[in-house]
């Protein structure tokens, strides 16, 4: 699977723009991708999104790389990966932005329809242990909840797509295999409840 995370200028892939893509080939975690680009002409900008990812309006309109260059580079990198199933925290969001960008830039890509959601994996693990958190009668599990549950610190603010992809990949490895994936997270012990 490909653990992917995007940072964007908003939440609608048809009206707002990708700003960066970070991705990890789960089967070969040394194979990583990260790139940033400027927004496409007339893309909407939501200040709430910029507050999350830390980009400024000036940065996202003046980046050297175009949307077309970003998506071409990502799709080329993707070909180096054996499996193209997207995974992450809400991976449909990331897939939909990549798909909309490829379509807008007239780049050929057959979108993956099946995704693996980190939230679901963590939800099931917590449910089996009887520690599931609900908020307003719905799941209260979010990425930072998952990261703490698996023994990592919360995601640094502002968000960065590659950092997000790395932390999500580490979470998948700890939840599924009970082991560490990336060397940079070895200093964080794996909780006993994750060890097989």
N, C-alpha and C. Protein backbone atom coordinates (compact mmCIF):
# COMPACT_ATOMS: atom_id res chain seq x y z
N UNK A 1 0.84 -1.19 0.00
CA UNK A 1 0.00 0.00 0.00
C UNK A 1 0.88 1.25 0.00
N UNK A 2 0.30 2.34 -0.45
CA UNK A 2 0.97 3.63 -0.46
C UNK A 2 0.30 4.47 0.62
N UNK A 3 1.07 4.86 1.64
CA UNK A 3 0.53 5.74 2.67
C UNK A 3 0.75 7.16 2.17
N UNK A 4 -0.36 7.85 1.92
CA UNK A 4 -0.29 9.16 1.27
C UNK A 4 -0.99 10.22 2.11
N UNK A 5 -0.44 11.42 2.06
CA UNK A 5 -1.03 12.55 2.77
C UNK A 5 -0.85 13.77 1.88
N UNK A 6 -1.90 14.57 1.76
CA UNK A 6 -1.80 15.82 1.00
C UNK A 6 -2.14 16.99 1.90
N UNK A 7 -1.54 18.12 1.59
CA UNK A 7 -1.94 19.38 2.19
C UNK A 7 -2.58 20.18 1.07
N UNK A 8 -3.65 20.90 1.40
CA UNK A 8 -4.45 21.56 0.37
C UNK A 8 -4.85 22.97 0.79
N UNK A 9 -5.42 23.70 -0.15
CA UNK A 9 -5.88 25.06 0.14
C UNK A 9 -7.34 25.08 0.59
N UNK A 10 -7.94 23.91 0.78
CA UNK A 10 -9.33 23.80 1.21
C UNK A 10 -9.77 22.35 1.18
N UNK A 11 -11.09 22.14 1.27
CA UNK A 11 -11.57 20.76 1.37
C UNK A 11 -12.28 20.23 0.12
N UNK A 12 -12.52 21.07 -0.86
CA UNK A 12 -13.21 20.64 -2.07
C UNK A 12 -12.18 20.45 -3.20
N UNK A 13 -11.96 19.21 -3.67
CA UNK A 13 -10.93 18.98 -4.69
C UNK A 13 -11.24 19.61 -6.05
N UNK A 14 -12.49 20.00 -6.27
CA UNK A 14 -12.85 20.65 -7.53
C UNK A 14 -12.65 22.16 -7.49
N UNK A 15 -12.56 22.73 -6.28
CA UNK A 15 -12.46 24.18 -6.15
C UNK A 15 -11.17 24.65 -5.48
N UNK A 16 -10.55 23.76 -4.69
CA UNK A 16 -9.33 24.13 -3.99
C UNK A 16 -8.18 23.27 -4.52
N UNK A 17 -6.97 23.54 -4.07
CA UNK A 17 -5.78 23.01 -4.71
C UNK A 17 -4.91 22.18 -3.78
N UNK A 18 -4.26 21.18 -4.33
CA UNK A 18 -3.18 20.51 -3.63
C UNK A 18 -2.04 21.52 -3.46
N UNK A 19 -1.40 21.48 -2.30
CA UNK A 19 -0.21 22.29 -2.04
C UNK A 19 1.03 21.42 -1.91
N UNK A 20 0.83 20.20 -1.40
CA UNK A 20 1.96 19.27 -1.27
C UNK A 20 1.43 17.85 -1.17
N UNK A 21 2.29 16.91 -1.56
CA UNK A 21 2.00 15.48 -1.44
C UNK A 21 3.18 14.82 -0.74
N UNK A 22 2.86 14.01 0.27
CA UNK A 22 3.86 13.16 0.92
C UNK A 22 3.39 11.73 0.84
N UNK A 23 4.30 10.81 0.55
CA UNK A 23 3.89 9.41 0.41
C UNK A 23 5.04 8.47 0.79
N UNK A 24 4.65 7.31 1.31
CA UNK A 24 5.58 6.26 1.71
C UNK A 24 5.12 4.95 1.08
N UNK A 25 6.03 4.24 0.46
CA UNK A 25 5.76 2.89 -0.04
C UNK A 25 5.87 1.96 1.18
N UNK A 26 4.74 1.49 1.68
CA UNK A 26 4.73 0.71 2.93
C UNK A 26 5.60 -0.54 2.84
N UNK A 27 5.64 -1.18 1.67
CA UNK A 27 6.44 -2.39 1.50
C UNK A 27 7.94 -2.08 1.42
N UNK A 28 8.27 -0.85 1.08
CA UNK A 28 9.66 -0.41 0.94
C UNK A 28 9.75 1.01 1.50
N UNK A 29 9.72 1.16 2.84
CA UNK A 29 9.56 2.48 3.45
C UNK A 29 10.68 3.48 3.18
N UNK A 30 11.79 3.03 2.63
CA UNK A 30 12.84 3.98 2.23
C UNK A 30 12.44 4.71 0.95
N UNK A 31 11.48 4.15 0.22
CA UNK A 31 10.98 4.77 -1.01
C UNK A 31 9.90 5.78 -0.64
N UNK A 32 10.28 7.05 -0.64
CA UNK A 32 9.39 8.11 -0.19
C UNK A 32 9.28 9.20 -1.25
N UNK A 33 8.17 9.95 -1.18
CA UNK A 33 7.95 11.06 -2.10
C UNK A 33 7.51 12.29 -1.32
N UNK A 34 8.05 13.44 -1.69
CA UNK A 34 7.55 14.71 -1.16
C UNK A 34 7.81 15.81 -2.17
N UNK A 35 6.78 16.61 -2.43
CA UNK A 35 6.92 17.79 -3.29
C UNK A 35 5.82 18.79 -2.97
N UNK A 36 6.12 20.04 -3.22
CA UNK A 36 5.18 21.15 -3.03
C UNK A 36 4.98 21.84 -4.37
N UNK A 37 3.86 22.55 -4.49
CA UNK A 37 3.60 23.29 -5.73
C UNK A 37 2.74 24.52 -5.44
N UNK A 38 2.62 25.35 -6.46
CA UNK A 38 1.72 26.50 -6.33
C UNK A 38 0.30 26.08 -6.70
N UNK A 39 -0.67 26.86 -6.26
CA UNK A 39 -2.07 26.55 -6.56
C UNK A 39 -2.34 26.77 -8.04
N UNK A 40 -3.38 26.14 -8.54
CA UNK A 40 -3.78 26.37 -9.93
C UNK A 40 -4.55 27.69 -10.01
N UNK A 41 -4.56 28.27 -11.18
CA UNK A 41 -5.20 29.58 -11.39
C UNK A 41 -6.65 29.55 -10.93
N UNK A 42 -7.03 30.52 -10.15
CA UNK A 42 -8.40 30.69 -9.64
C UNK A 42 -8.82 29.66 -8.60
N UNK A 43 -7.89 28.89 -8.09
CA UNK A 43 -8.23 27.95 -7.01
C UNK A 43 -8.63 28.75 -5.77
N UNK A 44 -9.63 28.26 -5.07
CA UNK A 44 -10.06 28.92 -3.84
C UNK A 44 -9.07 28.63 -2.72
N UNK A 45 -8.97 29.57 -1.80
CA UNK A 45 -8.09 29.43 -0.64
C UNK A 45 -8.92 29.63 0.61
N UNK A 46 -8.90 28.62 1.48
CA UNK A 46 -9.60 28.70 2.76
C UNK A 46 -8.57 28.93 3.86
N UNK A 47 -8.73 30.01 4.60
CA UNK A 47 -7.76 30.33 5.64
C UNK A 47 -7.65 29.22 6.68
N UNK A 48 -8.74 28.53 6.95
CA UNK A 48 -8.71 27.43 7.93
C UNK A 48 -7.72 26.34 7.48
N UNK A 49 -7.66 26.07 6.18
CA UNK A 49 -6.73 25.07 5.66
C UNK A 49 -5.28 25.54 5.84
N UNK A 50 -5.04 26.81 5.54
CA UNK A 50 -3.69 27.34 5.70
C UNK A 50 -3.26 27.36 7.17
N UNK A 51 -4.22 27.56 8.06
CA UNK A 51 -3.91 27.52 9.48
C UNK A 51 -3.42 26.14 9.90
N UNK A 52 -3.94 25.10 9.26
CA UNK A 52 -3.54 23.72 9.57
C UNK A 52 -2.18 23.38 8.98
N UNK A 53 -1.95 23.76 7.71
CA UNK A 53 -0.71 23.33 7.06
C UNK A 53 0.42 24.36 7.11
N UNK A 54 0.13 25.56 7.57
CA UNK A 54 1.19 26.54 7.77
C UNK A 54 1.67 27.27 6.54
N UNK A 55 1.13 26.94 5.36
CA UNK A 55 1.51 27.67 4.16
C UNK A 55 0.90 29.07 4.21
N UNK A 56 1.56 30.03 3.58
CA UNK A 56 1.01 31.38 3.46
C UNK A 56 0.45 31.56 2.06
N UNK A 57 -0.42 32.54 1.90
CA UNK A 57 -0.97 32.85 0.57
C UNK A 57 0.14 33.17 -0.41
N UNK A 58 1.15 33.89 0.06
CA UNK A 58 2.27 34.24 -0.80
C UNK A 58 3.02 32.98 -1.26
N UNK A 59 3.28 32.07 -0.32
CA UNK A 59 3.99 30.83 -0.68
C UNK A 59 3.24 30.02 -1.72
N UNK A 60 1.94 29.85 -1.52
CA UNK A 60 1.20 28.95 -2.41
C UNK A 60 0.92 29.54 -3.78
N UNK A 61 1.14 30.83 -3.94
CA UNK A 61 0.98 31.44 -5.26
C UNK A 61 2.32 31.64 -5.95
N UNK A 62 3.43 31.45 -5.22
CA UNK A 62 4.75 31.71 -5.79
C UNK A 62 5.67 30.50 -5.84
N UNK A 63 5.20 29.32 -5.46
CA UNK A 63 6.05 28.13 -5.55
C UNK A 63 6.46 27.93 -7.00
N UNK A 64 7.67 27.42 -7.19
CA UNK A 64 8.18 27.24 -8.55
C UNK A 64 7.45 26.13 -9.30
N UNK A 65 7.23 25.01 -8.62
CA UNK A 65 6.62 23.85 -9.27
C UNK A 65 5.13 24.07 -9.52
N UNK A 66 4.67 23.69 -10.72
CA UNK A 66 3.25 23.81 -11.06
C UNK A 66 2.49 22.55 -10.61
N UNK A 67 1.17 22.63 -10.65
CA UNK A 67 0.34 21.46 -10.35
C UNK A 67 0.68 20.32 -11.31
N UNK A 68 0.83 20.63 -12.59
CA UNK A 68 1.15 19.61 -13.59
C UNK A 68 2.49 18.94 -13.27
N UNK A 69 3.49 19.73 -12.91
CA UNK A 69 4.80 19.16 -12.57
C UNK A 69 4.71 18.28 -11.33
N UNK A 70 3.95 18.72 -10.34
CA UNK A 70 3.78 17.94 -9.12
C UNK A 70 3.11 16.61 -9.41
N UNK A 71 1.98 16.64 -10.11
CA UNK A 71 1.24 15.41 -10.34
C UNK A 71 2.03 14.45 -11.24
N UNK A 72 2.74 14.98 -12.23
CA UNK A 72 3.58 14.13 -13.08
C UNK A 72 4.67 13.45 -12.26
N UNK A 73 5.31 14.22 -11.38
CA UNK A 73 6.37 13.65 -10.54
C UNK A 73 5.81 12.58 -9.61
N UNK A 74 4.64 12.85 -9.03
CA UNK A 74 4.05 11.86 -8.13
C UNK A 74 3.67 10.59 -8.88
N UNK A 75 3.03 10.72 -10.04
CA UNK A 75 2.62 9.54 -10.80
C UNK A 75 3.83 8.74 -11.27
N UNK A 76 4.92 9.43 -11.61
CA UNK A 76 6.15 8.73 -11.99
C UNK A 76 6.70 7.97 -10.79
N UNK A 77 6.74 8.62 -9.62
CA UNK A 77 7.20 7.93 -8.40
C UNK A 77 6.32 6.73 -8.10
N UNK A 78 5.02 6.89 -8.26
CA UNK A 78 4.08 5.82 -7.96
C UNK A 78 4.41 4.55 -8.76
N UNK A 79 4.91 4.72 -9.95
CA UNK A 79 5.27 3.56 -10.78
C UNK A 79 6.42 2.76 -10.18
N UNK A 80 7.18 3.35 -9.27
CA UNK A 80 8.27 2.62 -8.61
C UNK A 80 7.75 1.71 -7.49
N UNK A 81 6.47 1.80 -7.20
CA UNK A 81 5.86 1.04 -6.11
C UNK A 81 5.11 -0.16 -6.67
N UNK A 82 5.24 -1.29 -5.98
CA UNK A 82 4.59 -2.51 -6.44
C UNK A 82 3.08 -2.47 -6.31
N UNK A 83 2.59 -1.88 -5.23
CA UNK A 83 1.14 -1.82 -4.98
C UNK A 83 0.70 -0.36 -4.93
N UNK A 84 -0.46 -0.08 -5.51
CA UNK A 84 -0.96 1.30 -5.57
C UNK A 84 -2.19 1.54 -4.71
N UNK A 85 -2.51 0.66 -3.79
CA UNK A 85 -3.64 0.88 -2.90
C UNK A 85 -3.29 2.00 -1.93
N UNK A 86 -4.12 3.04 -1.91
CA UNK A 86 -3.86 4.17 -1.03
C UNK A 86 -4.30 3.86 0.39
N UNK A 87 -3.51 4.34 1.34
CA UNK A 87 -3.82 4.17 2.75
C UNK A 87 -3.50 5.47 3.48
N UNK A 88 -4.12 5.66 4.62
CA UNK A 88 -3.84 6.84 5.43
C UNK A 88 -5.02 7.16 6.32
N UNK A 89 -4.94 8.30 6.95
CA UNK A 89 -6.05 8.80 7.76
C UNK A 89 -6.98 9.53 6.80
N UNK A 90 -8.16 8.95 6.54
CA UNK A 90 -9.11 9.46 5.56
C UNK A 90 -8.48 9.50 4.16
N UNK A 91 -8.02 8.37 3.65
CA UNK A 91 -7.31 8.34 2.36
C UNK A 91 -8.17 8.71 1.16
N UNK A 92 -9.48 8.65 1.29
CA UNK A 92 -10.35 9.06 0.17
C UNK A 92 -10.16 10.54 -0.13
N UNK A 93 -9.94 11.35 0.91
CA UNK A 93 -9.69 12.78 0.73
C UNK A 93 -8.44 12.99 -0.13
N UNK A 94 -7.36 12.29 0.21
CA UNK A 94 -6.10 12.42 -0.52
C UNK A 94 -6.26 11.91 -1.96
N UNK A 95 -6.89 10.74 -2.11
CA UNK A 95 -7.12 10.17 -3.44
C UNK A 95 -7.94 11.11 -4.30
N UNK A 96 -9.01 11.70 -3.72
CA UNK A 96 -9.87 12.57 -4.51
C UNK A 96 -9.14 13.83 -4.98
N UNK A 97 -8.26 14.38 -4.16
CA UNK A 97 -7.47 15.55 -4.58
C UNK A 97 -6.47 15.17 -5.67
N UNK A 98 -5.82 14.03 -5.53
CA UNK A 98 -4.87 13.59 -6.55
C UNK A 98 -5.60 13.31 -7.86
N UNK A 99 -6.75 12.67 -7.78
CA UNK A 99 -7.55 12.36 -8.97
C UNK A 99 -8.00 13.65 -9.66
N UNK A 100 -8.52 14.61 -8.89
CA UNK A 100 -8.98 15.87 -9.48
C UNK A 100 -7.83 16.63 -10.13
N UNK A 101 -6.67 16.59 -9.49
CA UNK A 101 -5.50 17.29 -10.04
C UNK A 101 -5.04 16.62 -11.33
N UNK A 102 -4.97 15.29 -11.35
CA UNK A 102 -4.58 14.58 -12.57
C UNK A 102 -5.55 14.87 -13.70
N UNK A 103 -6.83 14.86 -13.40
CA UNK A 103 -7.84 15.15 -14.42
C UNK A 103 -7.70 16.59 -14.94
N UNK A 104 -7.57 17.55 -14.04
CA UNK A 104 -7.46 18.96 -14.43
C UNK A 104 -6.21 19.19 -15.28
N UNK A 105 -5.13 18.47 -14.96
CA UNK A 105 -3.87 18.64 -15.68
C UNK A 105 -3.72 17.67 -16.85
N UNK A 106 -4.80 16.93 -17.13
CA UNK A 106 -4.84 15.99 -18.26
C UNK A 106 -3.72 14.95 -18.21
N UNK A 107 -3.48 14.45 -17.01
CA UNK A 107 -2.51 13.38 -16.80
C UNK A 107 -3.27 12.07 -16.65
N UNK A 108 -2.83 11.04 -17.35
CA UNK A 108 -3.49 9.75 -17.30
C UNK A 108 -3.19 9.04 -15.99
N UNK A 109 -4.23 8.70 -15.28
CA UNK A 109 -4.08 7.92 -14.04
C UNK A 109 -5.41 7.25 -13.73
N UNK A 110 -5.34 5.97 -13.48
CA UNK A 110 -6.53 5.24 -13.07
C UNK A 110 -6.55 5.24 -11.55
N UNK A 111 -7.47 5.98 -11.01
CA UNK A 111 -7.56 6.13 -9.56
C UNK A 111 -7.85 4.80 -8.89
N UNK A 112 -7.25 4.62 -7.74
CA UNK A 112 -7.55 3.46 -6.92
C UNK A 112 -8.87 3.72 -6.18
N UNK A 113 -9.80 2.82 -6.27
CA UNK A 113 -11.09 3.03 -5.61
C UNK A 113 -11.10 2.45 -4.21
N UNK A 114 -10.33 1.44 -4.00
CA UNK A 114 -10.26 0.84 -2.67
C UNK A 114 -9.14 1.53 -1.90
N UNK A 115 -9.44 1.87 -0.66
CA UNK A 115 -8.47 2.52 0.20
C UNK A 115 -8.46 1.81 1.56
N UNK A 116 -7.39 2.02 2.29
CA UNK A 116 -7.27 1.45 3.63
C UNK A 116 -7.19 2.62 4.60
N UNK A 117 -8.18 2.71 5.48
CA UNK A 117 -8.30 3.85 6.38
C UNK A 117 -7.70 3.52 7.74
N UNK A 118 -6.72 4.31 8.16
CA UNK A 118 -6.08 4.12 9.46
C UNK A 118 -7.09 4.22 10.59
N UNK A 119 -8.05 5.11 10.45
CA UNK A 119 -9.08 5.25 11.48
C UNK A 119 -9.79 3.93 11.73
N UNK A 120 -10.15 3.23 10.66
CA UNK A 120 -10.87 1.96 10.79
C UNK A 120 -10.02 0.91 11.50
N UNK A 121 -8.75 0.82 11.12
CA UNK A 121 -7.86 -0.16 11.74
C UNK A 121 -7.74 0.13 13.24
N UNK A 122 -7.53 1.40 13.59
CA UNK A 122 -7.39 1.78 15.01
C UNK A 122 -8.71 1.57 15.74
N UNK A 123 -9.83 1.93 15.12
CA UNK A 123 -11.15 1.76 15.72
C UNK A 123 -11.37 0.30 16.12
N UNK A 124 -11.07 -0.60 15.19
CA UNK A 124 -11.27 -2.03 15.45
C UNK A 124 -10.35 -2.50 16.59
N UNK A 125 -9.09 -2.05 16.56
CA UNK A 125 -8.14 -2.44 17.60
C UNK A 125 -8.62 -1.96 18.97
N UNK A 126 -9.07 -0.71 19.04
CA UNK A 126 -9.56 -0.15 20.31
C UNK A 126 -10.85 -0.84 20.75
N UNK A 127 -11.72 -1.13 19.80
CA UNK A 127 -12.99 -1.80 20.11
C UNK A 127 -12.72 -3.18 20.72
N UNK A 128 -11.79 -3.93 20.14
CA UNK A 128 -11.45 -5.25 20.66
C UNK A 128 -10.90 -5.18 22.07
N UNK A 129 -10.22 -4.09 22.41
CA UNK A 129 -9.64 -3.94 23.75
C UNK A 129 -10.59 -3.26 24.72
N UNK A 130 -11.74 -2.79 24.23
CA UNK A 130 -12.71 -2.13 25.09
C UNK A 130 -12.30 -0.73 25.51
N UNK A 131 -11.49 -0.05 24.67
CA UNK A 131 -11.03 1.30 25.01
C UNK A 131 -11.46 2.34 23.96
N UNK A 132 -12.45 1.99 23.16
CA UNK A 132 -12.91 2.90 22.10
C UNK A 132 -13.48 4.18 22.70
N UNK A 133 -13.13 5.30 22.11
CA UNK A 133 -13.61 6.61 22.58
C UNK A 133 -14.75 7.10 21.68
N UNK A 134 -15.86 7.48 22.31
CA UNK A 134 -16.98 8.06 21.57
C UNK A 134 -17.13 9.52 21.97
N UNK A 135 -17.60 10.32 21.03
CA UNK A 135 -17.88 11.74 21.28
C UNK A 135 -19.19 12.05 20.57
N UNK A 136 -20.18 12.48 21.32
CA UNK A 136 -21.52 12.73 20.76
C UNK A 136 -22.06 11.49 20.04
N UNK A 137 -21.84 10.32 20.67
CA UNK A 137 -22.33 9.03 20.16
C UNK A 137 -21.68 8.60 18.84
N UNK A 138 -20.56 9.23 18.49
CA UNK A 138 -19.80 8.84 17.30
C UNK A 138 -18.35 8.63 17.70
N UNK A 139 -17.60 8.05 16.80
CA UNK A 139 -16.18 7.82 17.09
C UNK A 139 -15.48 9.13 17.44
N UNK A 140 -14.73 9.11 18.51
CA UNK A 140 -13.94 10.26 18.91
C UNK A 140 -12.48 10.08 18.55
N UNK A 141 -12.19 9.06 17.76
CA UNK A 141 -10.81 8.74 17.39
C UNK A 141 -10.39 9.63 16.22
N UNK A 142 -9.29 10.35 16.41
CA UNK A 142 -8.71 11.16 15.34
C UNK A 142 -7.23 10.79 15.24
N UNK A 143 -6.51 11.37 14.31
CA UNK A 143 -5.13 10.96 14.09
C UNK A 143 -4.28 11.11 15.35
N UNK A 144 -4.38 12.23 16.04
CA UNK A 144 -3.58 12.40 17.25
C UNK A 144 -3.92 11.36 18.31
N UNK A 145 -5.19 10.96 18.42
CA UNK A 145 -5.60 9.90 19.33
C UNK A 145 -4.89 8.60 18.98
N UNK A 146 -4.85 8.29 17.69
CA UNK A 146 -4.21 7.07 17.21
C UNK A 146 -2.71 7.11 17.49
N UNK A 147 -2.08 8.24 17.21
CA UNK A 147 -0.64 8.34 17.40
C UNK A 147 -0.26 8.12 18.87
N UNK A 148 -1.00 8.72 19.77
CA UNK A 148 -0.73 8.52 21.20
C UNK A 148 -0.98 7.06 21.57
N UNK A 149 -2.04 6.46 21.04
CA UNK A 149 -2.39 5.06 21.32
C UNK A 149 -1.27 4.11 20.90
N UNK A 150 -0.58 4.44 19.82
CA UNK A 150 0.49 3.55 19.32
C UNK A 150 1.87 3.92 19.86
N UNK A 151 1.93 4.95 20.73
CA UNK A 151 3.19 5.29 21.38
C UNK A 151 3.98 6.41 20.75
N UNK A 152 3.37 7.16 19.83
CA UNK A 152 4.04 8.31 19.22
C UNK A 152 3.48 9.61 19.79
N UNK A 153 4.22 10.72 19.63
CA UNK A 153 3.65 12.01 20.01
C UNK A 153 2.60 12.43 18.98
N UNK A 154 1.81 13.44 19.31
CA UNK A 154 0.85 13.98 18.35
C UNK A 154 1.59 14.55 17.14
N UNK A 155 0.88 14.65 16.01
CA UNK A 155 1.48 15.19 14.80
C UNK A 155 1.90 16.64 15.01
N UNK A 156 3.13 16.99 14.64
CA UNK A 156 3.58 18.38 14.81
C UNK A 156 2.72 19.36 14.03
N UNK A 157 2.58 20.55 14.59
CA UNK A 157 1.84 21.62 13.93
C UNK A 157 2.85 22.67 13.47
N UNK A 158 2.69 23.31 12.33
CA UNK A 158 1.68 23.00 11.31
C UNK A 158 1.96 21.66 10.64
N UNK A 159 0.94 21.13 9.99
CA UNK A 159 1.05 19.82 9.36
C UNK A 159 1.95 19.90 8.12
N UNK A 160 2.64 18.79 7.88
CA UNK A 160 3.47 18.61 6.69
C UNK A 160 3.08 17.27 6.09
N UNK A 161 2.89 17.23 4.78
CA UNK A 161 2.40 16.01 4.13
C UNK A 161 3.33 14.81 4.33
N UNK A 162 4.64 15.01 4.24
CA UNK A 162 5.54 13.88 4.41
C UNK A 162 5.57 13.42 5.87
N UNK A 163 5.59 14.35 6.79
CA UNK A 163 5.55 13.98 8.21
C UNK A 163 4.27 13.20 8.50
N UNK A 164 3.14 13.67 7.97
CA UNK A 164 1.88 12.97 8.17
C UNK A 164 1.92 11.55 7.60
N UNK A 165 2.45 11.40 6.38
CA UNK A 165 2.54 10.08 5.76
C UNK A 165 3.43 9.16 6.58
N UNK A 166 4.55 9.68 7.07
CA UNK A 166 5.46 8.86 7.87
C UNK A 166 4.79 8.39 9.17
N UNK A 167 4.12 9.30 9.85
CA UNK A 167 3.48 8.95 11.12
C UNK A 167 2.34 7.96 10.90
N UNK A 168 1.60 8.13 9.82
CA UNK A 168 0.52 7.21 9.51
C UNK A 168 1.07 5.84 9.14
N UNK A 169 2.16 5.79 8.37
CA UNK A 169 2.78 4.51 8.01
C UNK A 169 3.27 3.79 9.26
N UNK A 170 3.88 4.53 10.17
CA UNK A 170 4.34 3.93 11.43
C UNK A 170 3.16 3.38 12.22
N UNK A 171 2.04 4.13 12.22
CA UNK A 171 0.85 3.68 12.93
C UNK A 171 0.31 2.38 12.34
N UNK A 172 0.26 2.30 11.01
CA UNK A 172 -0.19 1.06 10.37
C UNK A 172 0.69 -0.11 10.79
N UNK A 173 2.01 0.09 10.76
CA UNK A 173 2.93 -0.99 11.10
C UNK A 173 2.73 -1.46 12.54
N UNK A 174 2.59 -0.52 13.45
CA UNK A 174 2.42 -0.88 14.86
C UNK A 174 1.08 -1.55 15.11
N UNK A 175 0.03 -1.08 14.46
CA UNK A 175 -1.30 -1.67 14.66
C UNK A 175 -1.42 -3.04 14.00
N UNK A 176 -0.87 -3.19 12.81
CA UNK A 176 -1.01 -4.44 12.06
C UNK A 176 0.02 -5.49 12.48
N UNK A 177 1.29 -5.06 12.58
CA UNK A 177 2.38 -6.01 12.82
C UNK A 177 2.96 -5.95 14.23
N UNK A 178 2.60 -4.92 14.99
CA UNK A 178 3.16 -4.77 16.33
C UNK A 178 4.64 -4.44 16.32
N UNK A 179 5.10 -3.82 15.22
CA UNK A 179 6.53 -3.50 15.13
C UNK A 179 6.76 -2.14 14.49
N UNK A 180 7.98 -1.66 14.69
CA UNK A 180 8.43 -0.39 14.17
C UNK A 180 8.66 -0.48 12.66
N UNK A 181 8.39 0.61 11.93
CA UNK A 181 8.61 0.65 10.48
C UNK A 181 9.75 1.57 10.09
N UNK A 182 9.76 2.78 10.66
CA UNK A 182 10.74 3.79 10.26
C UNK A 182 11.73 4.05 11.40
N UNK A 183 13.01 4.15 11.05
CA UNK A 183 14.07 4.32 12.06
C UNK A 183 13.85 5.55 12.93
N UNK A 184 13.31 6.63 12.36
CA UNK A 184 13.14 7.86 13.14
C UNK A 184 12.15 7.71 14.30
N UNK A 185 11.36 6.63 14.29
CA UNK A 185 10.41 6.41 15.37
C UNK A 185 10.84 5.31 16.34
N UNK A 186 12.03 4.75 16.15
CA UNK A 186 12.53 3.69 17.03
C UNK A 186 12.65 4.16 18.48
N UNK A 187 12.88 5.46 18.69
CA UNK A 187 13.05 5.98 20.05
C UNK A 187 11.75 5.98 20.84
N UNK A 188 10.63 5.74 20.18
CA UNK A 188 9.33 5.68 20.86
C UNK A 188 8.94 4.22 21.06
N UNK A 189 8.95 3.75 22.29
CA UNK A 189 8.64 2.34 22.55
C UNK A 189 7.22 1.97 22.06
N UNK A 190 7.11 0.74 21.61
CA UNK A 190 5.80 0.23 21.18
C UNK A 190 5.05 -0.23 22.43
N UNK A 191 3.85 0.28 22.65
CA UNK A 191 3.08 -0.13 23.84
C UNK A 191 2.80 -1.64 23.84
N UNK A 192 2.70 -2.20 25.03
CA UNK A 192 2.46 -3.64 25.18
C UNK A 192 1.21 -4.10 24.46
N UNK A 193 0.16 -3.25 24.47
CA UNK A 193 -1.10 -3.68 23.86
C UNK A 193 -1.01 -3.84 22.33
N UNK A 194 0.11 -3.45 21.73
CA UNK A 194 0.28 -3.61 20.28
C UNK A 194 1.17 -4.79 19.91
N UNK A 195 1.86 -5.34 20.89
CA UNK A 195 2.78 -6.43 20.59
C UNK A 195 2.02 -7.74 20.48
N UNK A 196 2.34 -8.48 19.42
CA UNK A 196 1.66 -9.76 19.16
C UNK A 196 2.10 -10.83 20.12
